[in-house]
C-alpha atoms as a PDB file:
ATOM      1  CA  UNK A   1     -12.941  11.749  -4.845  1.00  0.00           C
ATOM      2  CA  UNK A   2     -11.463   9.042  -2.379  1.00  0.00           C
ATOM      3  CA  UNK A   3      -8.349   7.480  -2.532  1.00  0.00           C
ATOM      4  CA  UNK A   4      -7.458   4.478  -4.382  1.00  0.00           C
ATOM      5  CA  UNK A   5      -5.135   1.188  -3.764  1.00  0.00           C
ATOM      6  CA  UNK A   6      -3.841   0.487  -7.190  1.00  0.00           C
ATOM      7  CA  UNK A   7      -1.964  -3.004  -8.134  1.00  0.00           C
ATOM      8  CA  UNK A   8       1.033  -2.844 -10.545  1.00  0.00           C
ATOM      9  CA  UNK A   9       4.041  -4.883 -11.534  1.00  0.00           C
ATOM     10  CA  UNK A  10       7.013  -3.587 -11.569  1.00  0.00           C
ATOM     11  CA  UNK A  11      10.096  -4.252 -13.836  1.00  0.00           C
ATOM     12  CA  UNK A  12      10.917  -7.207 -12.142  1.00  0.00           C
ATOM     13  CA  UNK A  13       7.720  -8.792 -12.770  1.00  0.00           C
ATOM     14  CA  UNK A  14       6.619  -8.487  -9.027  1.00  0.00           C
ATOM     15  CA  UNK A  15       3.137  -7.018  -7.687  1.00  0.00           C
ATOM     16  CA  UNK A  16       2.970  -3.993  -5.924  1.00  0.00           C
ATOM     17  CA  UNK A  17       0.289  -1.886  -4.458  1.00  0.00           C
ATOM     18  CA  UNK A  18       0.369   1.891  -3.760  1.00  0.00           C
ATOM     19  CA  UNK A  19      -2.202   4.271  -2.125  1.00  0.00           C
ATOM     20  CA  UNK A  20      -3.341   7.240  -3.865  1.00  0.00           C
ATOM     21  CA  UNK A  21      -4.952  10.096  -2.227  1.00  0.00           C
ATOM     22  CA  UNK A  22      -7.965  11.574  -3.936  1.00  0.00           C
ATOM     23  CA  UNK A  23      -5.695  14.112  -5.325  1.00  0.00           C
ATOM     24  CA  UNK A  24      -3.560  11.125  -7.315  1.00  0.00           C
ATOM     25  CA  UNK A  25      -0.691  11.919  -4.826  1.00  0.00           C
ATOM     26  CA  UNK A  26       1.140   8.833  -3.574  1.00  0.00           C
ATOM     27  CA  UNK A  27       0.784   8.798  -0.199  1.00  0.00           C
ATOM     28  CA  UNK A  28       2.119   4.613   0.330  1.00  0.00           C
ATOM     29  CA  UNK A  29       3.698   1.750  -1.325  1.00  0.00           C
ATOM     30  CA  UNK A  30       3.719  -1.300  -0.313  1.00  0.00           C
ATOM     31  CA  UNK A  31       6.434  -3.885  -0.499  1.00  0.00           C
ATOM     32  CA  UNK A  32       7.349  -6.744  -3.894  1.00  0.00           C
ATOM     33  CA  UNK A  33       5.536  -9.496  -3.795  1.00  0.00           C
ATOM     34  CA  UNK A  34       5.655 -12.766  -5.720  1.00  0.00           C
ATOM     35  CA  UNK A  35       1.554 -13.037  -6.153  1.00  0.00           C
ATOM     36  CA  UNK A  36      -0.993 -10.418  -7.134  1.00  0.00           C
ATOM     37  CA  UNK A  37      -2.422 -12.774  -4.169  1.00  0.00           C
ATOM     38  CA  UNK A  38       0.104 -11.565  -1.887  1.00  0.00           C
ATOM     39  CA  UNK A  39      -0.496  -8.056  -2.825  1.00  0.00           C
ATOM     40  CA  UNK A  40      -4.053  -7.961  -2.599  1.00  0.00           C
ATOM     41  CA  UNK A  41      -3.760  -9.447   0.921  1.00  0.00           C
ATOM     42  CA  UNK A  42      -1.325  -6.501   1.724  1.00  0.00           C
ATOM     43  CA  UNK A  43      -3.445  -3.919   0.943  1.00  0.00           C
ATOM     44  CA  UNK A  44      -6.623  -5.978   3.025  1.00  0.00           C
ATOM     45  CA  UNK A  45      -3.413  -5.841   6.280  1.00  0.00           C
ATOM     46  CA  UNK A  46      -3.304  -2.075   5.696  1.00  0.00           C
ATOM     47  CA  UNK A  47      -7.133  -1.296   5.666  1.00  0.00           C
ATOM     48  CA  UNK A  48      -7.029  -4.033   8.861  1.00  0.00           C
ATOM     49  CA  UNK A  49      -4.362  -2.638  10.939  1.00  0.00           C
ATOM     50  CA  UNK A  50      -4.041   1.091   9.603  1.00  0.00           C
ATOM     51  CA  UNK A  51      -7.283   1.954  11.831  1.00  0.00           C
ATOM     52  CA  UNK A  52      -5.550   0.891  15.238  1.00  0.00           C
ATOM     53  CA  UNK A  53      -1.595   1.883  14.408  1.00  0.00           C
ATOM     54  CA  UNK A  54      -0.073   3.564  16.636  1.00  0.00           C
ATOM     55  CA  UNK A  55       2.114   6.845  15.906  1.00  0.00           C
ATOM     56  CA  UNK A  56       5.661   6.415  16.570  1.00  0.00           C
ATOM     57  CA  UNK A  57       7.950   9.386  16.221  1.00  0.00           C
ATOM     58  CA  UNK A  58      11.781   8.260  15.617  1.00  0.00           C
ATOM     59  CA  UNK A  59      12.856  11.794  15.209  1.00  0.00           C
ATOM     60  CA  UNK A  60      13.798  12.951  18.559  1.00  0.00           C
END
């Protein structure tokens, strides 16, 4: 089963998104957006930018 993005509203009425793996585990969460369109744009940004994003290890 493929992963999926879910758009939802939080307790303050803001729009958020989360990325779930195929097994249902939440693997990423977006910030709070004032509009649903903002949350959808956030999803598109993740989809576009994630493949090129570098990994920065700040634990060392």
